[in-house]
C-alpha atoms as a PDB file:
ATOM      1  CA  UNK A   1      19.325  22.324  10.598  1.00  0.00           C
ATOM      2  CA  UNK A   2      16.973  19.768   9.749  1.00  0.00           C
ATOM      3  CA  UNK A   3      17.563  17.511   7.086  1.00  0.00           C
ATOM      4  CA  UNK A   4      14.506  17.553   4.638  1.00  0.00           C
ATOM      5  CA  UNK A   5      15.580  14.969   2.074  1.00  0.00           C
ATOM      6  CA  UNK A   6      15.071  11.356   3.134  1.00  0.00           C
ATOM      7  CA  UNK A   7      17.556   9.400   4.356  1.00  0.00           C
ATOM      8  CA  UNK A   8      18.926   6.395   1.879  1.00  0.00           C
ATOM      9  CA  UNK A   9      18.556   3.802   4.731  1.00  0.00           C
ATOM     10  CA  UNK A  10      14.572   4.699   4.857  1.00  0.00           C
ATOM     11  CA  UNK A  11      14.218   4.593   1.133  1.00  0.00           C
ATOM     12  CA  UNK A  12      15.748   1.381   0.845  1.00  0.00           C
ATOM     13  CA  UNK A  13      13.936  -0.222   3.786  1.00  0.00           C
ATOM     14  CA  UNK A  14      10.631   1.344   2.784  1.00  0.00           C
ATOM     15  CA  UNK A  15      10.706   0.048  -1.070  1.00  0.00           C
ATOM     16  CA  UNK A  16      12.926  -3.147  -0.481  1.00  0.00           C
ATOM     17  CA  UNK A  17      14.409  -4.524   2.795  1.00  0.00           C
ATOM     18  CA  UNK A  18      11.730  -4.137   5.066  1.00  0.00           C
ATOM     19  CA  UNK A  19       8.621  -3.746   2.146  1.00  0.00           C
ATOM     20  CA  UNK A  20       5.127  -4.230   3.786  1.00  0.00           C
ATOM     21  CA  UNK A  21       3.920  -6.597   1.124  1.00  0.00           C
ATOM     22  CA  UNK A  22       6.892  -9.288   0.529  1.00  0.00           C
ATOM     23  CA  UNK A  23       9.131  -9.285   3.424  1.00  0.00           C
ATOM     24  CA  UNK A  24       6.769  -8.395   6.549  1.00  0.00           C
ATOM     25  CA  UNK A  25       3.345  -9.966   4.794  1.00  0.00           C
ATOM     26  CA  UNK A  26       1.350  -6.755   5.971  1.00  0.00           C
ATOM     27  CA  UNK A  27      -1.658  -5.330   4.356  1.00  0.00           C
ATOM     28  CA  UNK A  28      -2.964  -8.584   2.799  1.00  0.00           C
ATOM     29  CA  UNK A  29      -6.587  -7.792   2.631  1.00  0.00           C
ATOM     30  CA  UNK A  30      -6.323  -4.899   0.406  1.00  0.00           C
ATOM     31  CA  UNK A  31      -3.872  -6.500  -1.327  1.00  0.00           C
ATOM     32  CA  UNK A  32      -6.421  -9.377  -2.159  1.00  0.00           C
ATOM     33  CA  UNK A  33      -9.472  -7.239  -2.371  1.00  0.00           C
ATOM     34  CA  UNK A  34      -8.949  -4.466  -5.046  1.00  0.00           C
ATOM     35  CA  UNK A  35      -6.039  -5.520  -7.018  1.00  0.00           C
ATOM     36  CA  UNK A  36      -8.566  -6.919  -9.939  1.00  0.00           C
ATOM     37  CA  UNK A  37      -8.018  -3.538 -11.354  1.00  0.00           C
ATOM     38  CA  UNK A  38      -5.089  -1.316 -11.911  1.00  0.00           C
ATOM     39  CA  UNK A  39      -7.357   1.921 -11.414  1.00  0.00           C
ATOM     40  CA  UNK A  40      -8.591   0.826  -8.266  1.00  0.00           C
ATOM     41  CA  UNK A  41      -5.776  -0.254  -7.189  1.00  0.00           C
ATOM     42  CA  UNK A  42      -3.988   3.199  -8.030  1.00  0.00           C
ATOM     43  CA  UNK A  43      -6.584   4.910  -5.794  1.00  0.00           C
ATOM     44  CA  UNK A  44      -6.478   2.739  -2.957  1.00  0.00           C
ATOM     45  CA  UNK A  45      -2.404   2.800  -2.658  1.00  0.00           C
ATOM     46  CA  UNK A  46      -2.363   6.748  -3.166  1.00  0.00           C
ATOM     47  CA  UNK A  47      -4.740   6.781  -0.102  1.00  0.00           C
ATOM     48  CA  UNK A  48      -2.872   4.408   1.846  1.00  0.00           C
ATOM     49  CA  UNK A  49       0.124   6.264   1.082  1.00  0.00           C
ATOM     50  CA  UNK A  50      -1.135   9.624   1.765  1.00  0.00           C
ATOM     51  CA  UNK A  51      -2.908   8.311   5.267  1.00  0.00           C
ATOM     52  CA  UNK A  52       0.450   6.646   6.038  1.00  0.00           C
ATOM     53  CA  UNK A  53       2.511   9.909   5.675  1.00  0.00           C
ATOM     54  CA  UNK A  54       0.474  12.231   7.452  1.00  0.00           C
ATOM     55  CA  UNK A  55      -0.195   9.722  10.551  1.00  0.00           C
ATOM     56  CA  UNK A  56       3.680   9.335  10.856  1.00  0.00           C
ATOM     57  CA  UNK A  57       4.064  13.004  10.659  1.00  0.00           C
ATOM     58  CA  UNK A  58       1.358  13.685  12.908  1.00  0.00           C
ATOM     59  CA  UNK A  59       2.233  10.790  15.616  1.00  0.00           C
ATOM     60  CA  UNK A  60       5.982  12.268  15.637  1.00  0.00           C
ATOM     61  CA  UNK A  61       4.754  15.762  15.976  1.00  0.00           C
ATOM     62  CA  UNK A  62       3.063  14.906  19.061  1.00  0.00           C
ATOM     63  CA  UNK A  63       5.143  12.107  20.585  1.00  0.00           C
ATOM     64  CA  UNK A  64       6.370  14.020  23.572  1.00  0.00           C
ATOM     65  CA  UNK A  65       2.992  14.995  24.834  1.00  0.00           C
ATOM     66  CA  UNK A  66       1.479  11.510  24.308  1.00  0.00           C
ATOM     67  CA  UNK A  67       0.909   9.303  27.411  1.00  0.00           C
ATOM     68  CA  UNK A  68       2.829   6.026  26.573  1.00  0.00           C
ATOM     69  CA  UNK A  69      -0.019   3.983  28.055  1.00  0.00           C
ATOM     70  CA  UNK A  70      -3.072   5.272  25.359  1.00  0.00           C
ATOM     71  CA  UNK A  71      -0.586   5.771  22.485  1.00  0.00           C
ATOM     72  CA  UNK A  72      -2.199   3.252  20.183  1.00  0.00           C
ATOM     73  CA  UNK A  73      -5.066   5.180  20.898  1.00  0.00           C
ATOM     74  CA  UNK A  74      -3.900   8.510  19.913  1.00  0.00           C
ATOM     75  CA  UNK A  75      -2.598   6.762  16.772  1.00  0.00           C
ATOM     76  CA  UNK A  76      -5.533   4.979  16.054  1.00  0.00           C
ATOM     77  CA  UNK A  77      -7.507   8.583  16.341  1.00  0.00           C
ATOM     78  CA  UNK A  78      -5.073   9.904  13.899  1.00  0.00           C
ATOM     79  CA  UNK A  79      -5.151   7.578  11.299  1.00  0.00           C
ATOM     80  CA  UNK A  80      -9.151   7.528  11.747  1.00  0.00           C
ATOM     81  CA  UNK A  81      -8.730  11.146  11.067  1.00  0.00           C
ATOM     82  CA  UNK A  82      -6.899  11.479   7.732  1.00  0.00           C
ATOM     83  CA  UNK A  83      -8.587   8.242   6.556  1.00  0.00           C
ATOM     84  CA  UNK A  84     -12.066   9.743   6.938  1.00  0.00           C
ATOM     85  CA  UNK A  85     -10.799  12.789   4.842  1.00  0.00           C
ATOM     86  CA  UNK A  86     -10.057  10.528   1.903  1.00  0.00           C
ATOM     87  CA  UNK A  87     -13.065   8.804   1.990  1.00  0.00           C
ATOM     88  CA  UNK A  88     -15.586  12.081   2.167  1.00  0.00           C
ATOM     89  CA  UNK A  89     -13.183  13.537  -0.738  1.00  0.00           C
ATOM     90  CA  UNK A  90     -13.732  10.210  -3.065  1.00  0.00           C
ATOM     91  CA  UNK A  91     -17.050  10.674  -1.836  1.00  0.00           C
ATOM     92  CA  UNK A  92     -17.500  13.836  -2.798  1.00  0.00           C
ATOM     93  CA  UNK A  93     -15.519  14.252  -5.997  1.00  0.00           C
ATOM     94  CA  UNK A  94     -15.026  10.377  -7.464  1.00  0.00           C
ATOM     95  CA  UNK A  95     -18.878   8.684  -5.897  1.00  0.00           C
ATOM     96  CA  UNK A  96     -18.017   5.964  -8.641  1.00  0.00           C
ATOM     97  CA  UNK A  97     -14.399   5.061  -7.827  1.00  0.00           C
ATOM     98  CA  UNK A  98     -15.706   5.276  -3.859  1.00  0.00           C
ATOM     99  CA  UNK A  99     -18.523   2.710  -4.545  1.00  0.00           C
ATOM    100  CA  UNK A 100     -16.234   0.520  -6.217  1.00  0.00           C
ATOM    101  CA  UNK A 101     -13.961   0.633  -3.499  1.00  0.00           C
ATOM    102  CA  UNK A 102     -16.770   0.207  -1.003  1.00  0.00           C
ATOM    103  CA  UNK A 103     -15.606  -0.284   2.740  1.00  0.00           C
ATOM    104  CA  UNK A 104     -11.805  -1.182   1.857  1.00  0.00           C
ATOM    105  CA  UNK A 105     -10.827   2.764   1.964  1.00  0.00           C
ATOM    106  CA  UNK A 106     -12.257   2.636   5.516  1.00  0.00           C
ATOM    107  CA  UNK A 107     -10.495  -0.097   6.401  1.00  0.00           C
ATOM    108  CA  UNK A 108      -7.446   1.456   6.001  1.00  0.00           C
ATOM    109  CA  UNK A 109      -7.651   2.904   9.585  1.00  0.00           C
ATOM    110  CA  UNK A 110      -7.364  -0.995  10.726  1.00  0.00           C
ATOM    111  CA  UNK A 111      -4.278  -1.616   8.189  1.00  0.00           C
ATOM    112  CA  UNK A 112      -1.202  -2.791  10.096  1.00  0.00           C
ATOM    113  CA  UNK A 113       1.208  -1.188   7.798  1.00  0.00           C
ATOM    114  CA  UNK A 114       0.340   2.352   9.099  1.00  0.00           C
ATOM    115  CA  UNK A 115      -0.038   1.315  12.633  1.00  0.00           C
ATOM    116  CA  UNK A 116       3.215  -0.298  12.343  1.00  0.00           C
ATOM    117  CA  UNK A 117       5.192   2.417  11.379  1.00  0.00           C
ATOM    118  CA  UNK A 118       3.246   5.052  13.750  1.00  0.00           C
ATOM    119  CA  UNK A 119       4.410   2.717  16.510  1.00  0.00           C
ATOM    120  CA  UNK A 120       8.214   1.296  15.090  1.00  0.00           C
ATOM    121  CA  UNK A 121       9.104   4.665  13.879  1.00  0.00           C
ATOM    122  CA  UNK A 122       7.253   7.523  14.111  1.00  0.00           C
ATOM    123  CA  UNK A 123       7.125   7.337  17.868  1.00  0.00           C
ATOM    124  CA  UNK A 124      10.684   7.651  18.417  1.00  0.00           C
ATOM    125  CA  UNK A 125      12.025   9.584  15.739  1.00  0.00           C
ATOM    126  CA  UNK A 126      11.747  13.243  14.237  1.00  0.00           C
ATOM    127  CA  UNK A 127       9.038  14.391  12.124  1.00  0.00           C
ATOM    128  CA  UNK A 128      10.899  14.890   8.799  1.00  0.00           C
ATOM    129  CA  UNK A 129      12.146  11.454   9.058  1.00  0.00           C
ATOM    130  CA  UNK A 130       9.114   9.771   9.978  1.00  0.00           C
ATOM    131  CA  UNK A 131       7.050  11.724   7.107  1.00  0.00           C
ATOM    132  CA  UNK A 132       9.961   9.967   4.957  1.00  0.00           C
ATOM    133  CA  UNK A 133       9.449   6.525   6.679  1.00  0.00           C
ATOM    134  CA  UNK A 134       5.597   6.169   6.337  1.00  0.00           C
ATOM    135  CA  UNK A 135       5.851   7.826   2.731  1.00  0.00           C
ATOM    136  CA  UNK A 136       8.212   5.306   1.264  1.00  0.00           C
ATOM    137  CA  UNK A 137       6.297   2.154   3.302  1.00  0.00           C
ATOM    138  CA  UNK A 138       3.418   3.422   1.547  1.00  0.00           C
ATOM    139  CA  UNK A 139       5.215   3.547  -1.615  1.00  0.00           C
ATOM    140  CA  UNK A 140       6.624  -0.115  -1.216  1.00  0.00           C
ATOM    141  CA  UNK A 141       3.217  -1.244  -0.672  1.00  0.00           C
ATOM    142  CA  UNK A 142       1.849   0.207  -3.897  1.00  0.00           C
ATOM    143  CA  UNK A 143       4.901  -0.845  -5.933  1.00  0.00           C
ATOM    144  CA  UNK A 144       3.673  -4.443  -5.191  1.00  0.00           C
ATOM    145  CA  UNK A 145       0.227  -4.051  -5.284  1.00  0.00           C
ATOM    146  CA  UNK A 146       0.526  -2.504  -8.671  1.00  0.00           C
ATOM    147  CA  UNK A 147       2.324  -5.050  -9.886  1.00  0.00           C
ATOM    148  CA  UNK A 148      -0.352  -7.461  -8.655  1.00  0.00           C
ATOM    149  CA  UNK A 149      -2.847  -5.656 -10.292  1.00  0.00           C
ATOM    150  CA  UNK A 150      -1.198  -5.021 -13.809  1.00  0.00           C
ATOM    151  CA  UNK A 151      -1.053  -8.815 -13.637  1.00  0.00           C
ATOM    152  CA  UNK A 152      -4.341  -9.578 -12.825  1.00  0.00           C
ATOM    153  CA  UNK A 153      -6.222  -7.332 -15.025  1.00  0.00           C
ATOM    154  CA  UNK A 154      -4.003  -8.159 -17.817  1.00  0.00           C
ATOM    155  CA  UNK A 155      -4.234 -11.947 -17.862  1.00  0.00           C
ATOM    156  CA  UNK A 156      -7.878 -11.716 -16.568  1.00  0.00           C
ATOM    157  CA  UNK A 157      -9.264  -9.189 -19.099  1.00  0.00           C
ATOM    158  CA  UNK A 158      -6.601  -8.628 -21.606  1.00  0.00           C
ATOM    159  CA  UNK A 159      -6.702  -4.872 -20.445  1.00  0.00           C
ATOM    160  CA  UNK A 160      -4.461  -2.041 -18.561  1.00  0.00           C
ATOM    161  CA  UNK A 161      -6.146   0.999 -17.221  1.00  0.00           C
ATOM    162  CA  UNK A 162      -9.158  -0.479 -19.301  1.00  0.00           C
ATOM    163  CA  UNK A 163      -7.134  -0.223 -22.130  1.00  0.00           C
ATOM    164  CA  UNK A 164      -6.935  -3.426 -24.453  1.00  0.00           C
ATOM    165  CA  UNK A 165      -3.473  -4.807 -24.738  1.00  0.00           C
ATOM    166  CA  UNK A 166      -2.327  -5.942 -28.358  1.00  0.00           C
ATOM    167  CA  UNK A 167      -1.706  -9.665 -27.579  1.00  0.00           C
ATOM    168  CA  UNK A 168      -3.520 -10.321 -24.647  1.00  0.00           C
ATOM    169  CA  UNK A 169      -7.277  -8.699 -26.108  1.00  0.00           C
ATOM    170  CA  UNK A 170      -7.272 -10.872 -29.552  1.00  0.00           C
ATOM    171  CA  UNK A 171      -8.941 -13.762 -28.802  1.00  0.00           C
ATOM    172  CA  UNK A 172      -7.346 -15.849 -31.272  1.00  0.00           C
ATOM    173  CA  UNK A 173      -4.098 -15.874 -29.394  1.00  0.00           C
ATOM    174  CA  UNK A 174      -5.056 -15.653 -25.970  1.00  0.00           C
ATOM    175  CA  UNK A 175      -7.960 -17.020 -24.154  1.00  0.00           C
ATOM    176  CA  UNK A 176      -8.786 -14.570 -21.047  1.00  0.00           C
ATOM    177  CA  UNK A 177      -8.017 -16.131 -17.811  1.00  0.00           C
ATOM    178  CA  UNK A 178     -11.203 -15.068 -15.586  1.00  0.00           C
ATOM    179  CA  UNK A 179      -9.972 -16.725 -12.571  1.00  0.00           C
ATOM    180  CA  UNK A 180      -7.548 -13.919 -12.543  1.00  0.00           C
ATOM    181  CA  UNK A 181     -10.013 -11.346 -11.841  1.00  0.00           C
ATOM    182  CA  UNK A 182     -11.808 -13.729  -9.365  1.00  0.00           C
ATOM    183  CA  UNK A 183     -10.779 -13.783  -5.781  1.00  0.00           C
ATOM    184  CA  UNK A 184      -8.231 -17.276  -6.282  1.00  0.00           C
ATOM    185  CA  UNK A 185      -6.511 -15.196  -8.843  1.00  0.00           C
ATOM    186  CA  UNK A 186      -5.626 -12.675  -5.500  1.00  0.00           C
ATOM    187  CA  UNK A 187      -4.060 -15.684  -4.142  1.00  0.00           C
ATOM    188  CA  UNK A 188      -1.881 -16.846  -6.844  1.00  0.00           C
ATOM    189  CA  UNK A 189      -0.849 -13.226  -7.988  1.00  0.00           C
ATOM    190  CA  UNK A 190       0.094 -12.209  -4.626  1.00  0.00           C
ATOM    191  CA  UNK A 191       2.072 -15.553  -4.181  1.00  0.00           C
ATOM    192  CA  UNK A 192       3.830 -15.151  -7.647  1.00  0.00           C
ATOM    193  CA  UNK A 193       4.519 -11.564  -6.713  1.00  0.00           C
ATOM    194  CA  UNK A 194       6.086 -12.785  -3.202  1.00  0.00           C
ATOM    195  CA  UNK A 195       8.033 -15.645  -4.563  1.00  0.00           C
ATOM    196  CA  UNK A 196       9.621 -12.838  -7.595  1.00  0.00           C
ATOM    197  CA  UNK A 197      10.612 -10.541  -5.287  1.00  0.00           C
ATOM    198  CA  UNK A 198      11.918 -12.751  -2.480  1.00  0.00           C
ATOM    199  CA  UNK A 199      14.145 -14.387  -5.487  1.00  0.00           C
ATOM    200  CA  UNK A 200      15.448 -11.424  -6.519  1.00  0.00           C
ATOM    201  CA  UNK A 201      16.853 -10.097  -3.243  1.00  0.00           C
ATOM    202  CA  UNK A 202      20.656  -9.995  -3.111  1.00  0.00           C
ATOM    203  CA  UNK A 203      22.292 -12.199  -1.247  1.00  0.00           C
ATOM    204  CA  UNK A 204      23.588 -11.854   2.158  1.00  0.00           C
ATOM    205  CA  UNK A 205      27.295 -11.634   2.726  1.00  0.00           C
ATOM    206  CA  UNK A 206      28.212 -14.742   5.085  1.00  0.00           C
ATOM    207  CA  UNK A 207      30.123 -13.935   8.251  1.00  0.00           C
END
């Protein structure tokens, strides 16, 4: 009987040990491009997580019928199919957000995280495990991006999700760091987040 619950190792690897951002340093383009506002980041993270999970599931289902010499082309087509669906849904039901994200939703097709999980895991593992692997890899990516976006929006505009924060929105107490919502602020926030996450990584037991 197929186990439907995610394996503990898949969860830990996706969220922490093999986190796409601070461990593998993948998907940096969207990390730097859309994290100036929390809402935009949340939409991008949701889109990428859904596409990653669905793509990994599909690649795994087709793994026995996909010739090895064209597997990456097939994986790209599968990813593009789901990205186009997400993009069309955003344009139809949330055009303002679609305009704000611009081309970055479409660029999910080229995101290294999705292709990496399809190639490294989904191509040689069962569908259920592949789905969970894609889902938790996307969630690991999302946690880091949301942390960066909260930092940037809070320090740069004094708000979170557009709501003013008591201390940071008061000019008597806090001068807004406008640079945090500009491109240089993305590099600074990403560097701080990677340093923080790697510094709290449990020490490996010496052999």
